[in-house]
PDB file of N, CA and C in Angstrom:
ATOM      1  N   UNK A   1       0.902  -1.157  -0.134  1.00  0.00           N
ATOM      2  CA  UNK A   1       0.027  -0.007   0.066  1.00  0.00           C
ATOM      3  C   UNK A   1       0.745   1.293  -0.003  1.00  0.00           C
ATOM      4  N   UNK A   2       2.106   1.235   0.777  1.00  0.00           N
ATOM      5  CA  UNK A   2       2.950   2.341   0.666  1.00  0.00           C
ATOM      6  C   UNK A   2       3.436   2.743  -0.597  1.00  0.00           C
ATOM      7  N   UNK A   3       3.773   1.540  -1.409  1.00  0.00           N
ATOM      8  CA  UNK A   3       4.267   1.986  -2.749  1.00  0.00           C
ATOM      9  C   UNK A   3       3.210   2.574  -3.612  1.00  0.00           C
ATOM     10  N   UNK A   4       1.821   2.242  -3.670  1.00  0.00           N
ATOM     11  CA  UNK A   4       0.953   2.763  -4.225  1.00  0.00           C
ATOM     12  C   UNK A   4       0.747   4.338  -3.787  1.00  0.00           C
ATOM     13  N   UNK A   5       1.066   4.687  -2.661  1.00  0.00           N
ATOM     14  CA  UNK A   5       0.921   5.913  -1.926  1.00  0.00           C
ATOM     15  C   UNK A   5       2.086   6.590  -2.467  1.00  0.00           C
ATOM     16  N   UNK A   6       3.392   6.245  -2.474  1.00  0.00           N
ATOM     17  CA  UNK A   6       4.397   7.033  -3.158  1.00  0.00           C
ATOM     18  C   UNK A   6       4.225   7.207  -4.789  1.00  0.00           C
ATOM     19  N   UNK A   7       3.630   6.241  -5.353  1.00  0.00           N
ATOM     20  CA  UNK A   7       3.400   6.403  -6.744  1.00  0.00           C
ATOM     21  C   UNK A   7       2.501   7.726  -7.065  1.00  0.00           C
ATOM     22  N   UNK A   8       1.368   7.629  -5.950  1.00  0.00           N
ATOM     23  CA  UNK A   8       0.461   8.635  -6.275  1.00  0.00           C
ATOM     24  C   UNK A   8       0.954   9.961  -6.009  1.00  0.00           C
ATOM     25  N   UNK A   9       1.907  10.063  -5.066  1.00  0.00           N
ATOM     26  CA  UNK A   9       2.575  11.204  -4.762  1.00  0.00           C
ATOM     27  C   UNK A   9       3.331  11.717  -6.073  1.00  0.00           C
ATOM     28  N   UNK A  10       4.320  10.795  -6.590  1.00  0.00           N
ATOM     29  CA  UNK A  10       5.093  11.187  -7.652  1.00  0.00           C
ATOM     30  C   UNK A  10       4.446  11.403  -8.929  1.00  0.00           C
ATOM     31  N   UNK A  11       3.256  10.850  -9.099  1.00  0.00           N
ATOM     32  CA  UNK A  11       2.312  11.081 -10.382  1.00  0.00           C
ATOM     33  C   UNK A  11       1.338  12.473 -10.089  1.00  0.00           C
ATOM     34  N   UNK A  12       1.530  13.120  -8.865  1.00  0.00           N
ATOM     35  CA  UNK A  12       0.803  14.152  -8.479  1.00  0.00           C
ATOM     36  C   UNK A  12      -0.718  13.898  -8.404  1.00  0.00           C
ATOM     37  N   UNK A  13      -1.059  12.593  -8.223  1.00  0.00           N
ATOM     38  CA  UNK A  13      -2.433  12.110  -7.948  1.00  0.00           C
ATOM     39  C   UNK A  13      -2.836  12.575  -6.562  1.00  0.00           C
ATOM     40  N   UNK A  14      -1.855  12.755  -5.551  1.00  0.00           N
ATOM     41  CA  UNK A  14      -2.179  13.149  -4.198  1.00  0.00           C
ATOM     42  C   UNK A  14      -1.269  14.297  -3.825  1.00  0.00           C
ATOM     43  N   UNK A  15      -2.096  15.380  -3.485  1.00  0.00           N
ATOM     44  CA  UNK A  15      -1.180  16.540  -3.290  1.00  0.00           C
ATOM     45  C   UNK A  15      -0.684  16.505  -1.675  1.00  0.00           C
ATOM     46  N   UNK A  16       0.505  16.516  -1.357  1.00  0.00           N
ATOM     47  CA  UNK A  16       0.911  16.544  -0.027  1.00  0.00           C
ATOM     48  C   UNK A  16       0.957  18.021   0.539  1.00  0.00           C
ATOM     49  N   UNK A  17       0.541  18.078   1.782  1.00  0.00           N
ATOM     50  CA  UNK A  17       0.526  19.262   2.548  1.00  0.00           C
ATOM     51  C   UNK A  17       1.939  20.098   2.412  1.00  0.00           C
ATOM     52  N   UNK A  18       1.707  21.350   2.239  1.00  0.00           N
ATOM     53  CA  UNK A  18       3.123  22.097   2.282  1.00  0.00           C
ATOM     54  C   UNK A  18       4.090  21.751   3.681  1.00  0.00           C
ATOM     55  N   UNK A  19       3.292  21.674   4.833  1.00  0.00           N
ATOM     56  CA  UNK A  19       4.087  21.607   6.006  1.00  0.00           C
ATOM     57  C   UNK A  19       4.591  20.153   6.030  1.00  0.00           C
ATOM     58  N   UNK A  20       4.326  19.108   5.373  1.00  0.00           N
ATOM     59  CA  UNK A  20       4.812  17.956   5.162  1.00  0.00           C
ATOM     60  C   UNK A  20       6.296  18.065   4.521  1.00  0.00           C
ATOM     61  N   UNK A  21       6.177  18.820   3.351  1.00  0.00           N
ATOM     62  CA  UNK A  21       7.187  19.120   2.624  1.00  0.00           C
ATOM     63  C   UNK A  21       8.280  19.920   3.521  1.00  0.00           C
ATOM     64  N   UNK A  22       8.048  20.891   4.078  1.00  0.00           N
ATOM     65  CA  UNK A  22       8.807  21.639   4.842  1.00  0.00           C
ATOM     66  C   UNK A  22       9.502  20.714   6.009  1.00  0.00           C
ATOM     67  N   UNK A  23       8.709  19.733   6.552  1.00  0.00           N
ATOM     68  CA  UNK A  23       9.193  19.020   7.710  1.00  0.00           C
ATOM     69  C   UNK A  23      10.355  17.999   6.951  1.00  0.00           C
ATOM     70  N   UNK A  24       9.875  17.612   5.956  1.00  0.00           N
ATOM     71  CA  UNK A  24      10.782  16.613   5.290  1.00  0.00           C
ATOM     72  C   UNK A  24      12.068  17.197   4.939  1.00  0.00           C
ATOM     73  N   UNK A  25      12.113  18.412   4.289  1.00  0.00           N
ATOM     74  CA  UNK A  25      13.134  19.106   3.696  1.00  0.00           C
ATOM     75  C   UNK A  25      14.031  19.426   5.132  1.00  0.00           C
ATOM     76  N   UNK A  26      13.308  19.847   6.343  1.00  0.00           N
ATOM     77  CA  UNK A  26      14.211  20.293   7.502  1.00  0.00           C
ATOM     78  C   UNK A  26      14.632  18.970   8.149  1.00  0.00           C
ATOM     79  N   UNK A  27      14.004  18.009   8.168  1.00  0.00           N
ATOM     80  CA  UNK A  27      14.713  16.747   8.610  1.00  0.00           C
ATOM     81  C   UNK A  27      15.988  16.212   7.891  1.00  0.00           C
ATOM     82  N   UNK A  28      16.028  16.307   6.713  1.00  0.00           N
ATOM     83  CA  UNK A  28      16.963  15.824   5.852  1.00  0.00           C
ATOM     84  C   UNK A  28      18.267  16.889   6.039  1.00  0.00           C
ATOM     85  N   UNK A  29      17.923  18.162   5.968  1.00  0.00           N
ATOM     86  CA  UNK A  29      19.073  19.077   6.292  1.00  0.00           C
ATOM     87  C   UNK A  29      19.458  19.178   7.697  1.00  0.00           C
ATOM     88  N   UNK A  30      18.539  18.807   8.714  1.00  0.00           N
ATOM     89  CA  UNK A  30      19.188  18.594   9.926  1.00  0.00           C
ATOM     90  C   UNK A  30      20.012  17.326  10.297  1.00  0.00           C
ATOM     91  N   UNK A  31      19.573  16.383   9.519  1.00  0.00           N
ATOM     92  CA  UNK A  31      20.536  15.060   9.610  1.00  0.00           C
ATOM     93  C   UNK A  31      21.823  15.300   9.033  1.00  0.00           C
ATOM     94  N   UNK A  32      21.731  16.052   7.998  1.00  0.00           N
ATOM     95  CA  UNK A  32      23.073  16.046   7.217  1.00  0.00           C
ATOM     96  C   UNK A  32      24.083  17.299   7.727  1.00  0.00           C
ATOM     97  N   UNK A  33      23.404  18.259   8.597  1.00  0.00           N
ATOM     98  CA  UNK A  33      24.244  19.324   8.917  1.00  0.00           C
ATOM     99  C   UNK A  33      25.256  19.022   9.986  1.00  0.00           C
ATOM    100  N   UNK A  34      26.356  19.717   9.936  1.00  0.00           N
ATOM    101  CA  UNK A  34      27.491  19.422  11.110  1.00  0.00           C
ATOM    102  C   UNK A  34      26.969  19.980  12.378  1.00  0.00           C
ATOM    103  N   UNK A  35      26.096  20.756  12.353  1.00  0.00           N
ATOM    104  CA  UNK A  35      25.778  21.472  13.636  1.00  0.00           C
ATOM    105  C   UNK A  35      24.430  20.784  14.332  1.00  0.00           C
ATOM    106  N   UNK A  36      24.589  20.420  15.459  1.00  0.00           N
ATOM    107  CA  UNK A  36      23.712  19.496  16.237  1.00  0.00           C
ATOM    108  C   UNK A  36      23.250  20.304  17.686  1.00  0.00           C
ATOM    109  N   UNK A  37      21.982  20.022  17.904  1.00  0.00           N
ATOM    110  CA  UNK A  37      21.451  20.655  19.194  1.00  0.00           C
ATOM    111  C   UNK A  37      22.173  20.096  20.322  1.00  0.00           C
ATOM    112  N   UNK A  38      22.129  18.754  20.278  1.00  0.00           N
ATOM    113  CA  UNK A  38      22.459  17.939  21.328  1.00  0.00           C
ATOM    114  C   UNK A  38      23.520  17.005  20.734  1.00  0.00           C
ATOM    115  N   UNK A  39      24.886  17.531  20.789  1.00  0.00           N
ATOM    116  CA  UNK A  39      26.003  16.629  20.025  1.00  0.00           C
ATOM    117  C   UNK A  39      26.158  15.262  20.707  1.00  0.00           C
ATOM    118  N   UNK A  40      26.247  14.232  19.595  1.00  0.00           N
ATOM    119  CA  UNK A  40      26.457  13.015  20.029  1.00  0.00           C
ATOM    120  C   UNK A  40      28.016  12.758  20.843  1.00  0.00           C
ATOM    121  N   UNK A  41      29.004  13.577  20.300  1.00  0.00           N
ATOM    122  CA  UNK A  41      30.368  13.423  20.747  1.00  0.00           C
ATOM    123  C   UNK A  41      30.259  13.879  22.164  1.00  0.00           C
ATOM    124  N   UNK A  42      29.554  14.607  22.722  1.00  0.00           N
ATOM    125  CA  UNK A  42      29.611  14.989  24.018  1.00  0.00           C
ATOM    126  C   UNK A  42      28.939  14.166  24.893  1.00  0.00           C
ATOM    127  N   UNK A  43      27.644  13.883  24.497  1.00  0.00           N
ATOM    128  CA  UNK A  43      26.462  13.051  25.372  1.00  0.00           C
ATOM    129  C   UNK A  43      26.259  11.650  24.866  1.00  0.00           C
ATOM    130  N   UNK A  44      27.184  11.201  23.952  1.00  0.00           N
ATOM    131  CA  UNK A  44      27.222   9.817  23.396  1.00  0.00           C
ATOM    132  C   UNK A  44      25.546   9.452  22.957  1.00  0.00           C
ATOM    133  N   UNK A  45      25.063   8.284  23.315  1.00  0.00           N
ATOM    134  CA  UNK A  45      23.791   8.042  22.653  1.00  0.00           C
ATOM    135  C   UNK A  45      22.641   8.930  23.114  1.00  0.00           C
ATOM    136  N   UNK A  46      22.706   9.642  24.163  1.00  0.00           N
ATOM    137  CA  UNK A  46      21.629  10.570  24.369  1.00  0.00           C
ATOM    138  C   UNK A  46      21.624  11.745  23.457  1.00  0.00           C
ATOM    139  N   UNK A  47      22.711  11.876  22.705  1.00  0.00           N
ATOM    140  CA  UNK A  47      22.671  12.798  21.672  1.00  0.00           C
ATOM    141  C   UNK A  47      21.849  12.678  20.504  1.00  0.00           C
ATOM    142  N   UNK A  48      21.230  11.364  20.477  1.00  0.00           N
ATOM    143  CA  UNK A  48      20.535  11.141  19.230  1.00  0.00           C
ATOM    144  C   UNK A  48      19.037  11.577  19.690  1.00  0.00           C
ATOM    145  N   UNK A  49      18.838  12.048  20.756  1.00  0.00           N
ATOM    146  CA  UNK A  49      17.436  12.239  21.120  1.00  0.00           C
ATOM    147  C   UNK A  49      16.839  13.166  20.378  1.00  0.00           C
ATOM    148  N   UNK A  50      17.720  14.273  19.898  1.00  0.00           N
ATOM    149  CA  UNK A  50      16.876  15.475  19.068  1.00  0.00           C
ATOM    150  C   UNK A  50      16.721  14.842  17.602  1.00  0.00           C
ATOM    151  N   UNK A  51      17.781  14.018  17.250  1.00  0.00           N
ATOM    152  CA  UNK A  51      17.588  13.418  15.852  1.00  0.00           C
ATOM    153  C   UNK A  51      16.275  12.544  15.720  1.00  0.00           C
ATOM    154  N   UNK A  52      16.149  11.802  16.797  1.00  0.00           N
ATOM    155  CA  UNK A  52      15.141  10.828  16.976  1.00  0.00           C
ATOM    156  C   UNK A  52      13.596  11.650  16.806  1.00  0.00           C
ATOM    157  N   UNK A  53      13.688  12.774  17.547  1.00  0.00           N
ATOM    158  CA  UNK A  53      12.456  13.673  17.642  1.00  0.00           C
ATOM    159  C   UNK A  53      12.257  14.304  16.345  1.00  0.00           C
ATOM    160  N   UNK A  54      13.169  14.764  15.549  1.00  0.00           N
ATOM    161  CA  UNK A  54      12.997  15.389  14.238  1.00  0.00           C
ATOM    162  C   UNK A  54      12.265  14.245  13.229  1.00  0.00           C
ATOM    163  N   UNK A  55      12.920  13.076  13.267  1.00  0.00           N
ATOM    164  CA  UNK A  55      12.497  11.998  12.393  1.00  0.00           C
ATOM    165  C   UNK A  55      11.143  11.503  12.846  1.00  0.00           C
ATOM    166  N   UNK A  56      10.823  11.645  14.204  1.00  0.00           N
ATOM    167  CA  UNK A  56       9.667  11.152  14.735  1.00  0.00           C
ATOM    168  C   UNK A  56       8.472  11.980  14.319  1.00  0.00           C
ATOM    169  N   UNK A  57       8.769  13.252  14.290  1.00  0.00           N
ATOM    170  CA  UNK A  57       7.593  14.355  13.866  1.00  0.00           C
ATOM    171  C   UNK A  57       7.512  14.055  12.228  1.00  0.00           C
ATOM    172  N   UNK A  58       8.421  13.703  11.616  1.00  0.00           N
ATOM    173  CA  UNK A  58       8.474  13.483  10.144  1.00  0.00           C
ATOM    174  C   UNK A  58       7.514  12.406   9.940  1.00  0.00           C
ATOM    175  N   UNK A  59       7.752  11.356  10.727  1.00  0.00           N
ATOM    176  CA  UNK A  59       7.058  10.059  10.453  1.00  0.00           C
ATOM    177  C   UNK A  59       5.508  10.303  10.778  1.00  0.00           C
ATOM    178  N   UNK A  60       5.182  11.034  11.699  1.00  0.00           N
ATOM    179  CA  UNK A  60       3.714  11.342  12.176  1.00  0.00           C
ATOM    180  C   UNK A  60       3.014  12.128  10.928  1.00  0.00           C
ATOM    181  N   UNK A  61       3.900  13.055  10.344  1.00  0.00           N
ATOM    182  CA  UNK A  61       3.283  13.730   9.188  1.00  0.00           C
ATOM    183  C   UNK A  61       3.105  12.817   8.067  1.00  0.00           C
ATOM    184  N   UNK A  62       4.013  12.031   7.700  1.00  0.00           N
ATOM    185  CA  UNK A  62       4.033  11.176   6.497  1.00  0.00           C
ATOM    186  C   UNK A  62       2.700  10.162   6.727  1.00  0.00           C
ATOM    187  N   UNK A  63       2.623   9.581   7.908  1.00  0.00           N
ATOM    188  CA  UNK A  63       1.537   8.680   8.278  1.00  0.00           C
ATOM    189  C   UNK A  63       0.086   9.476   8.134  1.00  0.00           C
ATOM    190  N   UNK A  64       0.019  10.781   8.402  1.00  0.00           N
ATOM    191  CA  UNK A  64      -1.079  11.575   8.232  1.00  0.00           C
ATOM    192  C   UNK A  64      -1.598  11.713   6.825  1.00  0.00           C
ATOM    193  N   UNK A  65      -0.477  11.851   6.090  1.00  0.00           N
ATOM    194  CA  UNK A  65      -0.703  12.056   4.549  1.00  0.00           C
ATOM    195  C   UNK A  65      -1.125  10.811   4.042  1.00  0.00           C
ATOM    196  N   UNK A  66      -0.591   9.613   4.478  1.00  0.00           N
ATOM    197  CA  UNK A  66      -0.887   8.490   3.888  1.00  0.00           C
ATOM    198  C   UNK A  66      -2.577   8.276   4.173  1.00  0.00           C
ATOM    199  N   UNK A  67      -2.945   8.473   5.535  1.00  0.00           N
ATOM    200  CA  UNK A  67      -4.090   8.465   5.861  1.00  0.00           C
ATOM    201  C   UNK A  67      -5.164   9.185   4.986  1.00  0.00           C
ATOM    202  N   UNK A  68      -4.710  10.399   4.812  1.00  0.00           N
ATOM    203  CA  UNK A  68      -5.587  11.289   3.955  1.00  0.00           C
ATOM    204  C   UNK A  68      -5.768  10.841   2.614  1.00  0.00           C
ATOM    205  N   UNK A  69      -4.565  10.262   1.978  1.00  0.00           N
ATOM    206  CA  UNK A  69      -4.725   9.536   0.735  1.00  0.00           C
ATOM    207  C   UNK A  69      -5.631   8.322   0.799  1.00  0.00           C
ATOM    208  N   UNK A  70      -5.479   7.610   1.725  1.00  0.00           N
ATOM    209  CA  UNK A  70      -6.468   6.429   1.939  1.00  0.00           C
ATOM    210  C   UNK A  70      -7.830   6.798   1.875  1.00  0.00           C
ATOM    211  N   UNK A  71      -8.358   7.974   2.701  1.00  0.00           N
ATOM    212  CA  UNK A  71      -9.633   8.451   2.772  1.00  0.00           C
ATOM    213  C   UNK A  71     -10.036   8.954   1.402  1.00  0.00           C
ATOM    214  N   UNK A  72      -9.051   9.614   0.645  1.00  0.00           N
ATOM    215  CA  UNK A  72      -9.537   9.975  -0.534  1.00  0.00           C
ATOM    216  C   UNK A  72      -9.887   9.052  -1.722  1.00  0.00           C
ATOM    217  N   UNK A  73      -9.193   7.666  -1.663  1.00  0.00           N
ATOM    218  CA  UNK A  73      -9.466   6.706  -2.306  1.00  0.00           C
ATOM    219  C   UNK A  73     -10.850   6.072  -1.955  1.00  0.00           C
ATOM    220  N   UNK A  74     -11.471   6.136  -0.673  1.00  0.00           N
ATOM    221  CA  UNK A  74     -12.738   5.641  -0.361  1.00  0.00           C
ATOM    222  C   UNK A  74     -13.926   6.472  -0.807  1.00  0.00           C
ATOM    223  N   UNK A  75     -13.547   7.796  -1.083  1.00  0.00           N
ATOM    224  CA  UNK A  75     -14.605   8.548  -1.561  1.00  0.00           C
ATOM    225  C   UNK A  75     -14.795   8.553  -3.045  1.00  0.00           C
TER     226      UNK A  75
END
C-alpha cells in the first residue's frame, strides 16, 4: 500500500500538504548538517534524542498524509 501511495505522490495524484514538505526538507537538512542541538560526541547515545525527535515528527506527518490519501480513495 505504501508503494501505491508513493506512486500517487510522484504522479501528482495526491497533493502533499506544504507543512509535510517543509518538515521533510528540514529533517534531511538537520540530519546532514554538521551543527547539532545535542551533540553525540559530548553526550554519547543521549545525543541522538533530538535526531529521533525530528524523524519522529516527520514520521507522524507522513502517516497523516498516507491516511488522507487512503480516505480520498474511499470517496
